[in-house]
Amino acid sequence: MSIKYKIDIISALKDKGYSTYRIRKEKLFSESTLQKFRSNDTVSWENIERVCDLLGCDVGDIVTYEKE
């Protein structure tokens, strides 16, 4: 089982005004979570929920399931 991101999370957040500086300053995500987004590693559902809230989207808009 493999969860994949449909979008570049960091770029999408930047497009909504959330630079990595702002994310760190407002403590929206930890540095390790940002690194996981950069390397397309999975993160907790709590972090996925936060991304959806910040982007105003649904989980299905940012992740997909792919059989291995």
N, C-alpha and C. Protein backbone atom coordinates (compact mmCIF):
# COMPACT_ATOMS: atom_id res chain seq x y z
N MET A 1 0.85 -1.17 0.00
CA MET A 1 0.00 0.00 0.00
C MET A 1 0.89 1.23 0.00
N SER A 2 0.49 2.20 -0.81
CA SER A 2 1.33 3.38 -0.92
C SER A 2 0.46 4.63 -1.11
N ILE A 3 0.67 5.58 -0.25
CA ILE A 3 -0.01 6.87 -0.36
C ILE A 3 0.94 7.83 -1.06
N LYS A 4 0.46 8.50 -2.09
CA LYS A 4 1.27 9.44 -2.87
C LYS A 4 0.60 10.81 -2.87
N TYR A 5 1.42 11.84 -2.91
CA TYR A 5 0.90 13.20 -3.02
C TYR A 5 0.58 13.51 -4.48
N LYS A 6 -0.57 14.11 -4.71
CA LYS A 6 -0.95 14.52 -6.06
C LYS A 6 -0.32 15.86 -6.43
N ILE A 7 0.01 16.64 -5.42
CA ILE A 7 0.53 17.99 -5.63
C ILE A 7 1.82 18.18 -4.85
N ASP A 8 2.54 19.22 -5.18
CA ASP A 8 3.71 19.62 -4.39
C ASP A 8 3.17 20.45 -3.23
N ILE A 9 3.17 19.86 -2.05
CA ILE A 9 2.57 20.50 -0.87
C ILE A 9 3.22 21.84 -0.55
N ILE A 10 4.54 21.89 -0.57
CA ILE A 10 5.26 23.13 -0.24
C ILE A 10 4.88 24.24 -1.23
N SER A 11 4.85 23.93 -2.51
CA SER A 11 4.50 24.93 -3.53
C SER A 11 3.06 25.39 -3.37
N ALA A 12 2.16 24.45 -3.10
CA ALA A 12 0.75 24.81 -2.91
C ALA A 12 0.58 25.73 -1.71
N LEU A 13 1.30 25.45 -0.62
CA LEU A 13 1.23 26.31 0.55
C LEU A 13 1.79 27.70 0.23
N LYS A 14 2.89 27.75 -0.51
CA LYS A 14 3.47 29.05 -0.90
C LYS A 14 2.49 29.85 -1.73
N ASP A 15 1.78 29.17 -2.64
CA ASP A 15 0.78 29.85 -3.47
C ASP A 15 -0.34 30.46 -2.65
N LYS A 16 -0.61 29.88 -1.47
CA LYS A 16 -1.64 30.40 -0.57
C LYS A 16 -1.08 31.40 0.45
N GLY A 17 0.22 31.73 0.32
CA GLY A 17 0.81 32.73 1.20
C GLY A 17 1.55 32.17 2.39
N TYR A 18 1.75 30.86 2.42
CA TYR A 18 2.44 30.22 3.54
C TYR A 18 3.87 29.86 3.13
N SER A 19 4.77 30.82 3.26
CA SER A 19 6.18 30.55 2.98
C SER A 19 6.72 29.64 4.08
N THR A 20 7.85 29.01 3.80
CA THR A 20 8.43 28.15 4.84
C THR A 20 8.81 28.98 6.06
N TYR A 21 9.19 30.23 5.85
CA TYR A 21 9.49 31.12 6.98
C TYR A 21 8.23 31.30 7.85
N ARG A 22 7.11 31.61 7.19
CA ARG A 22 5.86 31.82 7.93
C ARG A 22 5.42 30.53 8.63
N ILE A 23 5.57 29.39 7.95
CA ILE A 23 5.20 28.10 8.54
C ILE A 23 6.00 27.84 9.81
N ARG A 24 7.30 28.12 9.75
CA ARG A 24 8.15 27.92 10.95
C ARG A 24 7.79 28.93 12.04
N LYS A 25 7.62 30.19 11.65
CA LYS A 25 7.34 31.25 12.62
C LYS A 25 6.02 30.99 13.35
N GLU A 26 5.00 30.57 12.61
CA GLU A 26 3.68 30.31 13.21
C GLU A 26 3.55 28.88 13.75
N LYS A 27 4.63 28.11 13.61
CA LYS A 27 4.69 26.73 14.10
C LYS A 27 3.53 25.88 13.58
N LEU A 28 3.27 26.02 12.27
CA LEU A 28 2.21 25.25 11.64
C LEU A 28 2.64 23.81 11.40
N PHE A 29 3.91 23.63 11.02
CA PHE A 29 4.48 22.30 10.81
C PHE A 29 5.90 22.31 11.36
N SER A 30 6.35 21.15 11.81
CA SER A 30 7.73 21.04 12.27
C SER A 30 8.66 20.98 11.06
N GLU A 31 9.94 21.21 11.32
CA GLU A 31 10.93 21.12 10.24
C GLU A 31 10.97 19.71 9.66
N SER A 32 10.81 18.71 10.50
CA SER A 32 10.83 17.33 10.00
C SER A 32 9.63 17.05 9.09
N THR A 33 8.48 17.63 9.40
CA THR A 33 7.31 17.47 8.54
C THR A 33 7.53 18.16 7.21
N LEU A 34 8.11 19.36 7.23
CA LEU A 34 8.41 20.05 5.98
C LEU A 34 9.36 19.23 5.13
N GLN A 35 10.35 18.61 5.77
CA GLN A 35 11.29 17.77 5.04
C GLN A 35 10.59 16.56 4.44
N LYS A 36 9.65 15.99 5.16
CA LYS A 36 8.88 14.86 4.63
C LYS A 36 8.07 15.29 3.41
N PHE A 37 7.49 16.48 3.45
CA PHE A 37 6.77 16.98 2.28
C PHE A 37 7.72 17.13 1.10
N ARG A 38 8.91 17.65 1.35
CA ARG A 38 9.89 17.84 0.28
C ARG A 38 10.32 16.52 -0.36
N SER A 39 10.45 15.48 0.46
CA SER A 39 10.93 14.20 -0.05
C SER A 39 9.79 13.22 -0.35
N ASN A 40 8.55 13.73 -0.32
CA ASN A 40 7.36 12.92 -0.63
C ASN A 40 7.19 11.72 0.29
N ASP A 41 7.60 11.87 1.54
CA ASP A 41 7.36 10.84 2.56
C ASP A 41 5.99 11.08 3.18
N THR A 42 5.41 10.03 3.73
CA THR A 42 4.11 10.19 4.36
C THR A 42 4.23 10.92 5.69
N VAL A 43 3.17 11.61 6.04
CA VAL A 43 3.10 12.34 7.31
C VAL A 43 1.83 11.89 8.03
N SER A 44 1.64 12.35 9.25
CA SER A 44 0.47 11.95 10.03
C SER A 44 -0.81 12.54 9.43
N TRP A 45 -1.92 11.90 9.75
CA TRP A 45 -3.21 12.41 9.28
C TRP A 45 -3.50 13.78 9.88
N GLU A 46 -2.98 14.05 11.05
CA GLU A 46 -3.14 15.38 11.66
C GLU A 46 -2.51 16.45 10.76
N ASN A 47 -1.33 16.14 10.22
CA ASN A 47 -0.67 17.09 9.32
C ASN A 47 -1.41 17.21 7.98
N ILE A 48 -1.93 16.10 7.48
CA ILE A 48 -2.72 16.14 6.24
C ILE A 48 -3.96 16.99 6.46
N GLU A 49 -4.59 16.82 7.62
CA GLU A 49 -5.77 17.62 7.96
C GLU A 49 -5.43 19.11 7.99
N ARG A 50 -4.27 19.45 8.56
CA ARG A 50 -3.85 20.84 8.63
C ARG A 50 -3.61 21.40 7.23
N VAL A 51 -2.97 20.61 6.36
CA VAL A 51 -2.75 21.04 4.98
C VAL A 51 -4.09 21.32 4.30
N CYS A 52 -5.04 20.42 4.46
CA CYS A 52 -6.36 20.61 3.85
C CYS A 52 -7.03 21.88 4.37
N ASP A 53 -6.89 22.14 5.65
CA ASP A 53 -7.46 23.35 6.24
C ASP A 53 -6.81 24.60 5.66
N LEU A 54 -5.49 24.60 5.57
CA LEU A 54 -4.77 25.77 5.05
C LEU A 54 -5.04 26.00 3.57
N LEU A 55 -5.16 24.91 2.81
CA LEU A 55 -5.38 25.04 1.36
C LEU A 55 -6.86 25.12 1.00
N GLY A 56 -7.72 24.81 1.95
CA GLY A 56 -9.15 24.82 1.66
C GLY A 56 -9.54 23.73 0.68
N CYS A 57 -9.01 22.53 0.91
CA CYS A 57 -9.27 21.43 -0.01
C CYS A 57 -9.64 20.16 0.74
N ASP A 58 -9.91 19.11 0.02
CA ASP A 58 -10.25 17.81 0.57
C ASP A 58 -9.03 16.90 0.51
N VAL A 59 -9.00 15.87 1.34
CA VAL A 59 -7.88 14.93 1.36
C VAL A 59 -7.63 14.35 -0.04
N GLY A 60 -8.70 14.01 -0.74
CA GLY A 60 -8.58 13.44 -2.07
C GLY A 60 -7.97 14.38 -3.09
N ASP A 61 -7.93 15.67 -2.77
CA ASP A 61 -7.32 16.65 -3.66
C ASP A 61 -5.79 16.63 -3.57
N ILE A 62 -5.26 16.09 -2.45
CA ILE A 62 -3.81 16.14 -2.28
C ILE A 62 -3.12 14.79 -2.22
N VAL A 63 -3.86 13.72 -1.87
CA VAL A 63 -3.24 12.40 -1.82
C VAL A 63 -4.04 11.38 -2.62
N THR A 64 -3.34 10.34 -3.03
CA THR A 64 -3.97 9.22 -3.74
C THR A 64 -3.36 7.93 -3.25
N TYR A 65 -4.09 6.85 -3.40
CA TYR A 65 -3.61 5.53 -3.02
C TYR A 65 -3.20 4.78 -4.27
N GLU A 66 -2.04 4.16 -4.24
CA GLU A 66 -1.55 3.36 -5.36
C GLU A 66 -1.16 1.99 -4.84
N LYS A 67 -1.65 0.95 -5.50
CA LYS A 67 -1.24 -0.41 -5.14
C LYS A 67 0.20 -0.61 -5.56
N GLU A 68 0.95 -1.34 -4.77
CA GLU A 68 2.34 -1.60 -5.09
C GLU A 68 2.47 -2.77 -6.03
